[in-house]
């Protein structure tokens, strides 16, 4: 046996001893453990097309991690939106047992129950890091109590971070500019904006650029610089408003059919949870890394960055508060999760206004002086 092989063997033995598995486990190698695992093959349907390579890419990264952790004993085949189920029906496909898993945005199901919105993002809610904190501090348990009614269990598996407010053919300067605006937007934000006169539109992603160009719609919200640049939205409108107050961070969830989850071995459950957690970090890191270069390209191509005026934000905040109160009054599930999240939001911003905001604000100023 070569010296490098001896060193590798000793390191594996040290690992098992350190992990508290005892001397008897020292001779058990990873392949031997994997051999005792049952052969399991699942299918995953995504709510996203393959062209959204970071969103659908999260499904591919997750499935690869599961396979590698089990020596290919547990294999999950990812399929983009449209191959097995329409993107908006990915969650339903998992709940009904058509597939074992779905990777999607929970708020795609908001038409069935507005409570689904909390699993992705709600207007004036949490940013990406706060969503992770909330999900692991009671929010995830509340969501999964709700999701159990739809025969699925959910795990955080990605985030886009705060999105952009979208592309507008005409700059918004005051709340009255929203009246009659044909805006491609959905979910709770659409309900809130409708109170201010917006006419919400539903247009498929691939058709957004041409719809803007032709004037079929006046504005469109998509994701952020990386995905917006790929979609060519600058061709149809040059005013790029920010931020997306309706998506301070869009959480992506992996949904598992509840019966299939309960039938898994404890080891495979642990593998799924760990793979979801690593994918959650991967996706937001990728967006954070890709967005700056894409933003530079867009600005270089003529995009005009415009922050939503405070007057517009204030009007939208008021509309959001009204919708929350109205919906909570008639939906107990919605009220329970909304009250919990908003209380959590208050405590989070108590903290963020000190260290996080203080540091970021200074560094943004310092960057311009460097």
Protein backbone atom coordinates (compact mmCIF):
# COMPACT_ATOMS: atom_id res chain seq x y z
CA UNK A 1 0.00 0.00 0.00
CA UNK A 2 1.37 3.38 -1.01
CA UNK A 3 2.04 6.06 1.61
CA UNK A 4 -0.78 8.25 0.26
CA UNK A 5 -3.26 5.35 0.53
CA UNK A 6 -2.16 4.64 4.11
CA UNK A 7 -2.62 8.33 4.97
CA UNK A 8 -6.09 8.34 3.44
CA UNK A 9 -7.10 5.23 5.36
CA UNK A 10 -5.88 6.72 8.65
CA UNK A 11 -7.83 9.90 7.99
CA UNK A 12 -11.04 7.93 7.43
CA UNK A 13 -10.47 6.04 10.67
CA UNK A 14 -9.81 9.27 12.54
CA UNK A 15 -13.05 10.68 11.13
CA UNK A 16 -15.17 7.78 12.36
CA UNK A 17 -13.54 7.88 15.81
CA UNK A 18 -14.04 11.66 16.06
CA UNK A 19 -17.67 11.27 15.02
CA UNK A 20 -18.18 8.98 18.02
CA UNK A 21 -18.79 5.84 16.00
CA UNK A 22 -16.19 3.83 17.88
CA UNK A 23 -13.43 1.51 16.81
CA UNK A 24 -15.86 -0.99 15.29
CA UNK A 25 -16.98 1.57 12.72
CA UNK A 26 -13.44 2.41 11.68
CA UNK A 27 -13.36 -0.43 9.19
CA UNK A 28 -16.63 0.57 7.49
CA UNK A 29 -15.90 2.53 4.36
CA UNK A 30 -18.29 4.94 2.66
CA UNK A 31 -19.01 2.54 -0.24
CA UNK A 32 -20.01 -0.19 2.24
CA UNK A 33 -22.44 2.18 3.90
CA UNK A 34 -23.85 3.16 0.52
CA UNK A 35 -24.31 -0.50 -0.42
CA UNK A 36 -26.75 -0.92 2.45
CA UNK A 37 -28.98 1.88 1.11
CA UNK A 38 -32.10 0.97 -0.88
CA UNK A 39 -32.20 1.72 -4.58
CA UNK A 40 -34.61 4.63 -4.93
CA UNK A 41 -35.56 6.55 -8.04
CA UNK A 42 -37.76 9.66 -7.97
CA UNK A 43 -38.88 12.33 -10.37
CA UNK A 44 -38.87 16.07 -9.69
CA UNK A 45 -40.86 18.58 -11.72
CA UNK A 46 -39.77 22.20 -11.62
CA UNK A 47 -41.86 25.32 -11.84
CA UNK A 48 -39.16 26.92 -13.99
CA UNK A 49 -38.02 26.47 -17.60
CA UNK A 50 -34.51 25.36 -18.43
CA UNK A 51 -33.75 28.87 -19.76
CA UNK A 52 -33.82 30.19 -16.16
CA UNK A 53 -30.55 28.44 -15.54
CA UNK A 54 -30.07 29.54 -11.93
CA UNK A 55 -33.64 28.75 -10.87
CA UNK A 56 -33.93 25.44 -12.70
CA UNK A 57 -30.22 24.97 -12.04
CA UNK A 58 -31.10 24.73 -8.37
CA UNK A 59 -33.07 21.55 -9.11
CA UNK A 60 -30.11 20.07 -10.98
CA UNK A 61 -27.65 20.96 -8.21
CA UNK A 62 -29.97 19.44 -5.60
CA UNK A 63 -30.46 16.18 -7.50
CA UNK A 64 -26.74 15.82 -8.10
CA UNK A 65 -26.01 16.34 -4.40
CA UNK A 66 -28.48 13.60 -3.41
CA UNK A 67 -26.95 11.16 -5.88
CA UNK A 68 -23.37 11.88 -4.80
CA UNK A 69 -24.21 11.54 -1.10
CA UNK A 70 -25.73 8.08 -1.66
CA UNK A 71 -23.30 6.67 -4.20
CA UNK A 72 -26.11 6.95 -6.79
CA UNK A 73 -28.45 4.76 -4.76
CA UNK A 74 -30.97 7.61 -4.43
CA UNK A 75 -31.49 9.21 -7.81
CA UNK A 76 -33.88 12.06 -8.56
CA UNK A 77 -34.49 13.08 -12.17
CA UNK A 78 -35.24 16.82 -12.60
CA UNK A 79 -37.57 18.00 -15.36
CA UNK A 80 -38.17 21.65 -16.34
CA UNK A 81 -41.61 23.23 -16.43
CA UNK A 82 -43.81 21.83 -19.16
CA UNK A 83 -42.27 18.38 -19.53
CA UNK A 84 -44.27 16.65 -16.79
CA UNK A 85 -46.47 19.44 -15.48
CA UNK A 86 -47.04 23.09 -16.28
CA UNK A 87 -44.87 25.38 -14.18
CA UNK A 88 -47.80 26.72 -12.18
CA UNK A 89 -48.92 23.16 -11.39
CA UNK A 90 -45.64 21.74 -10.14
CA UNK A 91 -46.74 21.79 -6.50
CA UNK A 92 -50.04 20.10 -7.40
CA UNK A 93 -48.18 17.35 -9.23
CA UNK A 94 -46.21 16.55 -6.07
CA UNK A 95 -49.26 16.68 -3.82
CA UNK A 96 -51.26 14.42 -6.11
CA UNK A 97 -48.39 11.92 -6.36
CA UNK A 98 -47.84 12.36 -10.11
CA UNK A 99 -44.20 12.94 -9.11
CA UNK A 100 -42.42 12.58 -5.80
CA UNK A 101 -41.07 16.12 -5.73
CA UNK A 102 -41.53 19.63 -7.06
CA UNK A 103 -39.15 22.59 -7.05
CA UNK A 104 -41.11 25.78 -7.41
CA UNK A 105 -42.32 29.09 -6.03
CA UNK A 106 -45.11 28.54 -3.54
CA UNK A 107 -46.92 31.70 -4.60
CA UNK A 108 -47.73 30.17 -7.98
CA UNK A 109 -50.64 28.56 -6.08
CA UNK A 110 -51.93 31.80 -4.55
CA UNK A 111 -55.16 31.59 -6.58
CA UNK A 112 -56.08 28.46 -4.60
CA UNK A 113 -55.29 30.08 -1.25
CA UNK A 114 -53.45 33.38 -0.59
CA UNK A 115 -51.59 31.64 2.25
CA UNK A 116 -49.33 30.03 -0.37
CA UNK A 117 -47.68 33.43 -0.89
CA UNK A 118 -45.77 33.25 2.39
CA UNK A 119 -43.65 30.36 1.13
CA UNK A 120 -42.06 32.58 -1.54
CA UNK A 121 -42.43 36.27 -0.76
CA UNK A 122 -45.07 38.74 0.31
CA UNK A 123 -45.15 42.49 -0.33
CA UNK A 124 -43.15 44.48 2.22
CA UNK A 125 -42.15 41.21 3.87
CA UNK A 126 -38.69 39.77 4.51
CA UNK A 127 -35.41 39.96 2.64
CA UNK A 128 -33.58 36.78 1.64
CA UNK A 129 -31.55 36.33 4.80
CA UNK A 130 -34.52 37.12 6.98
CA UNK A 131 -36.53 34.46 5.14
CA UNK A 132 -33.95 31.84 6.05
CA UNK A 133 -33.99 33.01 9.66
CA UNK A 134 -37.80 32.94 9.78
CA UNK A 135 -38.06 29.56 8.08
CA UNK A 136 -35.74 27.99 10.66
CA UNK A 137 -37.31 29.83 13.61
CA UNK A 138 -40.92 28.73 13.50
CA UNK A 139 -41.95 29.92 10.05
CA UNK A 140 -41.13 26.61 8.39
CA UNK A 141 -43.23 24.70 10.93
CA UNK A 142 -46.21 26.99 10.32
CA UNK A 143 -45.85 26.67 6.57
CA UNK A 144 -45.57 22.89 6.71
CA UNK A 145 -48.67 22.63 8.90
CA UNK A 146 -50.46 24.44 6.08
CA UNK A 147 -48.75 22.47 3.29
CA UNK A 148 -49.71 19.18 4.96
CA UNK A 149 -53.31 19.96 4.00
CA UNK A 150 -52.10 19.79 0.40
CA UNK A 151 -50.16 16.53 0.93
CA UNK A 152 -46.65 17.98 0.72
CA UNK A 153 -43.78 18.95 3.02
CA UNK A 154 -41.43 21.79 2.05
CA UNK A 155 -37.75 22.62 2.47
CA UNK A 156 -35.93 25.88 1.66
CA UNK A 157 -33.88 25.28 -1.48
CA UNK A 158 -32.94 28.62 -3.01
CA UNK A 159 -33.52 32.35 -3.14
CA UNK A 160 -33.14 35.03 -5.79
CA UNK A 161 -32.47 37.76 -3.24
CA UNK A 162 -34.30 41.07 -3.58
CA UNK A 163 -35.68 41.46 -7.09
CA UNK A 164 -35.97 44.53 -9.29
CA UNK A 165 -39.22 46.46 -9.62
CA UNK A 166 -39.45 45.86 -13.32
CA UNK A 167 -39.31 47.53 -16.73
CA UNK A 168 -41.51 50.52 -17.50
CA UNK A 169 -42.15 52.28 -20.78
CA UNK A 170 -42.71 55.46 -18.79
CA UNK A 171 -41.11 56.47 -15.49
CA UNK A 172 -43.32 56.50 -12.40
CA UNK A 173 -43.13 59.82 -10.55
CA UNK A 174 -46.28 59.80 -8.42
CA UNK A 175 -49.03 57.37 -7.30
CA UNK A 176 -51.46 58.67 -9.95
CA UNK A 177 -49.12 57.27 -12.64
CA UNK A 178 -50.27 53.80 -11.57
CA UNK A 179 -53.84 54.43 -12.66
CA UNK A 180 -54.61 52.46 -15.82
CA UNK A 181 -51.06 51.01 -15.98
CA UNK A 182 -51.05 47.62 -17.72
CA UNK A 183 -48.48 45.87 -15.54
CA UNK A 184 -47.37 42.25 -15.88
CA UNK A 185 -47.50 41.16 -12.25
CA UNK A 186 -49.36 38.54 -10.22
CA UNK A 187 -50.14 37.27 -6.74
CA UNK A 188 -50.82 39.47 -3.75
CA UNK A 189 -48.91 42.37 -5.33
CA UNK A 190 -51.43 42.40 -8.18
CA UNK A 191 -54.30 42.69 -5.69
CA UNK A 192 -52.57 45.53 -3.90
CA UNK A 193 -51.67 47.43 -7.05
CA UNK A 194 -55.21 47.02 -8.37
CA UNK A 195 -56.35 49.15 -5.42
CA UNK A 196 -54.23 51.94 -6.92
CA UNK A 197 -55.66 51.57 -10.42
CA UNK A 198 -53.16 49.16 -11.97
CA UNK A 199 -54.56 46.68 -14.49
CA UNK A 200 -52.60 43.44 -13.75
CA UNK A 201 -51.56 41.44 -16.81
CA UNK A 202 -50.52 37.82 -17.20
CA UNK A 203 -47.89 37.33 -19.90
CA UNK A 204 -45.57 34.35 -20.26
CA UNK A 205 -41.88 35.02 -19.69
CA UNK A 206 -40.75 34.37 -23.28
CA UNK A 207 -43.33 36.89 -24.55
CA UNK A 208 -42.48 39.76 -22.19
CA UNK A 209 -39.94 41.56 -24.37
CA UNK A 210 -42.22 41.65 -27.42
CA UNK A 211 -45.27 42.62 -25.32
CA UNK A 212 -43.34 45.62 -23.99
CA UNK A 213 -41.97 46.50 -27.41
CA UNK A 214 -45.39 46.44 -29.03
CA UNK A 215 -47.05 48.34 -26.19
CA UNK A 216 -49.40 45.48 -25.32
CA UNK A 217 -48.32 46.09 -21.73
CA UNK A 218 -46.85 49.19 -20.12
CA UNK A 219 -44.58 47.49 -17.60
CA UNK A 220 -43.32 44.06 -16.58
CA UNK A 221 -41.73 42.58 -13.49
CA UNK A 222 -39.51 39.55 -14.08
CA UNK A 223 -36.64 38.72 -11.72
CA UNK A 224 -33.44 40.77 -11.60
CA UNK A 225 -30.55 41.91 -13.81
CA UNK A 226 -29.21 38.45 -14.67
CA UNK A 227 -32.50 36.93 -15.83
CA UNK A 228 -33.88 40.22 -17.19
CA UNK A 229 -30.80 40.68 -19.37
CA UNK A 230 -31.14 37.16 -20.77
CA UNK A 231 -34.83 37.81 -21.50
CA UNK A 232 -33.97 40.93 -23.51
CA UNK A 233 -36.43 43.15 -21.64
CA UNK A 234 -34.39 46.28 -22.32
CA UNK A 235 -35.56 46.02 -25.93
CA UNK A 236 -39.09 46.90 -24.88
CA UNK A 237 -38.60 49.47 -22.11
CA UNK A 238 -35.66 51.40 -20.76
CA UNK A 239 -36.84 52.58 -17.32
CA UNK A 240 -35.69 50.01 -14.76
CA UNK A 241 -37.45 50.71 -11.46
CA UNK A 242 -36.34 49.28 -8.12
CA UNK A 243 -36.80 47.66 -5.68
CA UNK A 244 -39.46 44.95 -5.99
CA UNK A 245 -41.24 45.74 -2.73
CA UNK A 246 -43.33 42.63 -3.38
CA UNK A 247 -40.25 40.36 -3.43
CA UNK A 248 -37.62 41.38 -0.92
CA UNK A 249 -36.30 37.87 -1.42
CA UNK A 250 -38.03 35.12 -3.42
CA UNK A 251 -37.68 31.85 -1.52
CA UNK A 252 -37.69 28.69 -3.64
CA UNK A 253 -38.96 25.53 -1.99
CA UNK A 254 -38.52 21.84 -2.67
CA UNK A 255 -41.85 20.12 -2.06
CA UNK A 256 -41.96 16.40 -1.31
CA UNK A 257 -45.11 14.32 -1.50
CA UNK A 258 -45.99 13.73 2.16
CA UNK A 259 -46.58 9.97 1.83
CA UNK A 260 -43.29 9.49 -0.02
CA UNK A 261 -41.47 11.58 2.57
CA UNK A 262 -42.88 9.50 5.42
CA UNK A 263 -41.81 6.30 3.65
CA UNK A 264 -38.15 7.37 3.36
CA UNK A 265 -35.48 5.96 5.62
CA UNK A 266 -34.05 8.35 8.22
CA UNK A 267 -30.79 8.42 6.26
CA UNK A 268 -32.48 9.48 3.04
CA UNK A 269 -34.47 12.14 4.87
CA UNK A 270 -31.21 13.53 6.25
CA UNK A 271 -29.67 13.48 2.76
CA UNK A 272 -32.62 15.41 1.31
CA UNK A 273 -32.55 18.03 4.07
CA UNK A 274 -28.81 18.53 3.68
CA UNK A 275 -28.98 18.73 -0.13
CA UNK A 276 -31.77 21.32 0.13
CA UNK A 277 -29.73 23.40 2.56
CA UNK A 278 -26.66 23.41 0.34
CA UNK A 279 -28.77 24.29 -2.72
CA UNK A 280 -30.35 27.15 -0.78
CA UNK A 281 -26.89 28.70 -0.29
CA UNK A 282 -25.82 27.92 -3.87
CA UNK A 283 -28.69 29.72 -5.59
CA UNK A 284 -28.58 33.04 -3.76
CA UNK A 285 -24.78 33.06 -3.99
CA UNK A 286 -25.02 32.59 -7.75
CA UNK A 287 -27.52 35.43 -8.11
CA UNK A 288 -25.42 37.73 -5.94
CA UNK A 289 -22.39 36.94 -8.09
CA UNK A 290 -24.14 37.24 -11.47
CA UNK A 291 -26.32 40.32 -10.99
CA UNK A 292 -23.61 43.05 -10.85
CA UNK A 293 -22.11 42.20 -14.25
CA UNK A 294 -25.59 41.90 -15.79
CA UNK A 295 -26.58 45.28 -14.33
CA UNK A 296 -23.49 46.88 -15.88
CA UNK A 297 -24.43 45.40 -19.26
CA UNK A 298 -27.98 46.71 -19.00
CA UNK A 299 -26.92 50.21 -18.00
CA UNK A 300 -24.33 50.17 -20.77
CA UNK A 301 -27.12 49.26 -23.16
CA UNK A 302 -29.26 52.23 -22.14
CA UNK A 303 -31.25 51.12 -19.10
CA UNK A 304 -32.18 54.00 -16.80
CA UNK A 305 -32.13 53.00 -13.13
CA UNK A 306 -34.93 54.70 -11.20
CA UNK A 307 -35.82 54.13 -7.58
CA UNK A 308 -39.55 54.09 -6.87
CA UNK A 309 -40.45 57.50 -5.38
CA UNK A 310 -41.31 57.49 -1.67
CA UNK A 311 -44.84 58.66 -2.48
CA UNK A 312 -45.38 55.61 -4.68
CA UNK A 313 -43.90 53.28 -2.06
CA UNK A 314 -46.09 54.81 0.66
CA UNK A 315 -49.24 54.33 -1.40
CA UNK A 316 -48.29 50.72 -2.13
CA UNK A 317 -47.52 50.07 1.55
CA UNK A 318 -50.96 51.36 2.52
CA UNK A 319 -52.61 49.16 -0.12
CA UNK A 320 -50.61 46.18 1.14
CA UNK A 321 -51.70 46.77 4.73
CA UNK A 322 -55.32 46.91 3.61
CA UNK A 323 -55.08 43.61 1.72
CA UNK A 324 -53.40 41.91 4.69
CA UNK A 325 -56.17 43.08 7.03
CA UNK A 326 -58.95 42.10 4.62
CA UNK A 327 -57.51 38.66 3.90
CA UNK A 328 -56.68 37.91 7.55
CA UNK A 329 -60.27 38.66 8.51
CA UNK A 330 -61.57 35.79 6.35
CA UNK A 331 -58.69 33.27 6.24
CA UNK A 332 -57.42 31.78 9.51
CA UNK A 333 -54.37 30.10 7.94
CA UNK A 334 -53.34 33.35 6.29
CA UNK A 335 -53.77 35.34 9.51
CA UNK A 336 -51.76 32.88 11.61
CA UNK A 337 -48.74 32.93 9.31
CA UNK A 338 -49.03 36.64 8.50
CA UNK A 339 -49.08 37.65 12.18
CA UNK A 340 -46.05 35.46 12.91
CA UNK A 341 -44.03 36.74 9.94
CA UNK A 342 -44.78 40.40 10.51
CA UNK A 343 -43.86 40.18 14.20
CA UNK A 344 -40.62 38.50 13.14
CA UNK A 345 -40.03 41.25 10.55
CA UNK A 346 -40.31 43.92 13.24
CA UNK A 347 -37.64 42.33 15.41
CA UNK A 348 -35.39 41.70 12.42
CA UNK A 349 -35.38 45.32 11.32
CA UNK A 350 -34.73 46.39 14.89
CA UNK A 351 -31.43 44.54 14.48
CA UNK A 352 -30.73 45.27 10.81
CA UNK A 353 -31.01 49.03 11.21
CA UNK A 354 -27.96 48.92 13.45
CA UNK A 355 -25.20 46.59 12.30
CA UNK A 356 -26.25 45.44 8.81
CA UNK A 357 -27.70 48.70 7.52
CA UNK A 358 -25.01 50.78 9.21
CA UNK A 359 -22.21 48.74 7.68
CA UNK A 360 -23.76 48.50 4.21
CA UNK A 361 -24.61 52.20 4.06
CA UNK A 362 -21.06 53.21 4.92
CA UNK A 363 -19.51 50.73 2.48
CA UNK A 364 -21.74 51.94 -0.37
CA UNK A 365 -20.48 55.48 0.27
CA UNK A 366 -16.89 54.32 0.66
CA UNK A 367 -17.05 52.44 -2.63
CA UNK A 368 -17.74 55.66 -4.53
CA UNK A 369 -14.68 57.27 -2.94
CA UNK A 370 -12.31 54.39 -3.60
